[in-house]
Amino acid sequence: MAFPMIPELLRQLFRRPNTNPFPAPQLPPTVTGFLQQVHQGQATLNPPVPAPEKLRGKMTYNRETCIGCNLCIRVCPAHAIEPTHDKKIRIYVSQCIQCAQCTEICPKQCLALSDQFLNAHHNRYAPSLIVED
């Protein structure tokens, strides 16, 4: 075929996006005012898109099964995993690129990627963005 990407382009025309739409059907004058209207019941939010299968979301860590081999630290290209004083690990979600290399190399399978993808926070070292339990 002369143009191998044409079938993929045609498929993309008829697929629905996997991203969440803006919370309001149309851009409000102020987001704060819109959220107050939602709280009062005068407006509604667009429902979130369900997480697609095999989504690489926030990292989960089972501390009890971890043997402290630190292989995950060696393979992490983003340097999002660091050792703790008790030979366990700490994961910085704000640095993690969800490549899943650490989950593949872990001999005890104590690391996994969840379907949670809303990880935004104004502080990149917030307790909700550090996984160590």
Protein backbone atom coordinates (compact mmCIF):
# COMPACT_ATOMS: atom_id res chain seq x y z
CA MET A 1 0.00 0.00 0.00
CA ALA A 2 1.35 3.40 -0.98
CA PHE A 3 0.01 5.19 2.10
CA PRO A 4 0.01 2.77 5.06
CA MET A 5 -1.32 5.32 7.53
CA ILE A 6 -4.60 5.97 5.68
CA PRO A 7 -6.48 3.08 7.37
CA GLU A 8 -5.37 4.34 10.79
CA LEU A 9 -6.44 7.89 9.94
CA LEU A 10 -9.87 6.64 8.87
CA ARG A 11 -10.21 4.66 12.13
CA GLN A 12 -9.34 7.76 14.14
CA LEU A 13 -12.12 9.72 12.46
CA PHE A 14 -14.79 7.46 13.92
CA ARG A 15 -13.33 6.75 17.38
CA ARG A 16 -14.45 8.56 20.48
CA PRO A 17 -11.65 10.24 22.45
CA ASN A 18 -10.45 8.68 25.72
CA THR A 19 -9.97 12.04 27.36
CA ASN A 20 -12.29 13.81 29.77
CA PRO A 21 -14.21 16.74 28.29
CA PHE A 22 -14.10 20.09 30.03
CA PRO A 23 -16.37 19.91 33.11
CA ALA A 24 -18.85 22.36 31.58
CA PRO A 25 -20.60 21.91 28.22
CA GLN A 26 -19.39 25.41 27.25
CA LEU A 27 -16.62 27.52 28.74
CA PRO A 28 -18.10 29.60 31.60
CA PRO A 29 -17.02 33.19 32.24
CA THR A 30 -15.37 32.09 35.51
CA VAL A 31 -14.57 28.56 36.63
CA THR A 32 -15.04 29.51 40.29
CA GLY A 33 -18.51 30.87 39.57
CA PHE A 34 -19.37 27.72 37.62
CA LEU A 35 -18.27 25.49 40.50
CA GLN A 36 -20.42 27.52 42.88
CA GLN A 37 -23.38 27.02 40.52
CA VAL A 38 -22.72 23.27 40.53
CA HIS A 39 -22.63 23.29 44.33
CA GLN A 40 -25.98 25.10 44.42
CA GLY A 41 -27.51 22.69 41.88
CA GLN A 42 -27.91 25.27 39.12
CA ALA A 43 -25.41 23.62 36.74
CA THR A 44 -24.11 20.11 36.08
CA LEU A 45 -20.66 18.75 35.34
CA ASN A 46 -19.86 16.56 32.35
CA PRO A 47 -19.42 12.99 33.62
CA PRO A 48 -15.83 11.72 33.56
CA VAL A 49 -14.78 9.22 30.92
CA PRO A 50 -14.29 5.74 32.43
CA ALA A 51 -10.70 4.58 32.62
CA PRO A 52 -9.77 2.51 29.55
CA GLU A 53 -8.54 -1.06 29.93
CA LYS A 54 -4.83 -1.50 30.70
CA LEU A 55 -4.49 2.14 31.75
CA ARG A 56 -1.14 2.92 33.33
CA GLY A 57 -2.16 5.05 36.28
CA LYS A 58 -0.82 5.80 39.75
CA MET A 59 1.71 3.33 41.12
CA THR A 60 0.68 1.02 43.97
CA TYR A 61 3.14 -0.64 46.33
CA ASN A 62 2.68 -3.59 48.67
CA ARG A 63 5.27 -3.01 51.39
CA GLU A 64 4.74 -6.36 53.11
CA THR A 65 5.80 -8.45 50.11
CA CYS A 66 8.76 -6.25 49.18
CA ILE A 67 12.10 -7.93 49.88
CA GLY A 68 14.20 -4.79 49.39
CA CYS A 69 16.12 -5.99 46.34
CA ASN A 70 16.05 -2.46 44.84
CA LEU A 71 15.87 -3.73 41.26
CA CYS A 72 13.04 -1.27 40.63
CA ILE A 73 15.33 1.61 41.57
CA ARG A 74 17.93 0.47 39.05
CA VAL A 75 15.52 0.25 36.10
CA CYS A 76 13.48 3.41 36.73
CA PRO A 77 14.41 5.83 33.91
CA ALA A 78 12.73 8.79 35.66
CA HIS A 79 14.46 8.22 39.02
CA ALA A 80 11.05 8.30 40.68
CA ILE A 81 11.90 5.53 43.17
CA GLU A 82 14.30 5.94 46.06
CA PRO A 83 15.31 3.61 48.92
CA THR A 84 14.25 4.25 52.49
CA HIS A 85 16.23 3.54 55.65
CA ASP A 86 14.48 0.19 56.23
CA LYS A 87 15.41 -1.24 52.79
CA LYS A 88 12.00 -0.53 51.32
CA ILE A 89 11.17 2.07 48.67
CA ARG A 90 9.44 5.42 48.24
CA ILE A 91 7.80 6.34 44.91
CA TYR A 92 7.33 9.95 43.80
CA VAL A 93 4.21 9.90 41.62
CA SER A 94 4.94 13.37 40.20
CA GLN A 95 8.17 12.03 38.66
CA CYS A 96 6.84 8.62 37.56
CA ILE A 97 6.31 8.28 33.80
CA GLN A 98 4.22 5.07 34.10
CA CYS A 99 6.59 3.05 31.93
CA ALA A 100 5.96 -0.11 34.03
CA GLN A 101 9.59 -1.23 33.93
CA CYS A 102 9.63 -1.53 37.73
CA THR A 103 6.50 -3.69 37.74
CA GLU A 104 8.02 -6.07 35.20
CA ILE A 105 11.33 -6.54 37.02
CA CYS A 106 9.94 -6.91 40.56
CA PRO A 107 10.46 -10.56 41.62
CA LYS A 108 7.68 -10.41 44.24
CA GLN A 109 5.18 -8.42 42.13
CA CYS A 110 4.70 -5.86 44.88
CA LEU A 111 4.54 -2.97 42.40
CA ALA A 112 1.58 -2.38 40.09
CA LEU A 113 0.00 0.39 38.07
CA SER A 114 -3.58 1.19 39.12
CA ASP A 115 -6.37 2.74 37.09
CA GLN A 116 -6.23 5.97 39.12
CA PHE A 117 -5.06 8.75 36.83
CA LEU A 118 -6.09 11.98 38.55
CA ASN A 119 -2.82 12.82 40.29
CA ALA A 120 -2.70 16.61 39.99
CA HIS A 121 -1.61 18.65 42.99
CA HIS A 122 -0.03 22.08 43.44
CA ASN A 123 2.77 20.57 45.58
CA ARG A 124 4.80 17.88 43.81
CA TYR A 125 5.89 16.45 47.20
CA ALA A 126 2.39 16.27 48.69
CA PRO A 127 1.66 13.12 50.74
CA SER A 128 -0.91 12.02 48.14
CA LEU A 129 1.86 11.97 45.51
CA ILE A 130 4.30 9.85 47.52
CA VAL A 131 3.71 6.10 47.68
CA GLU A 132 5.51 4.28 50.45
CA ASP A 133 2.98 2.15 52.32
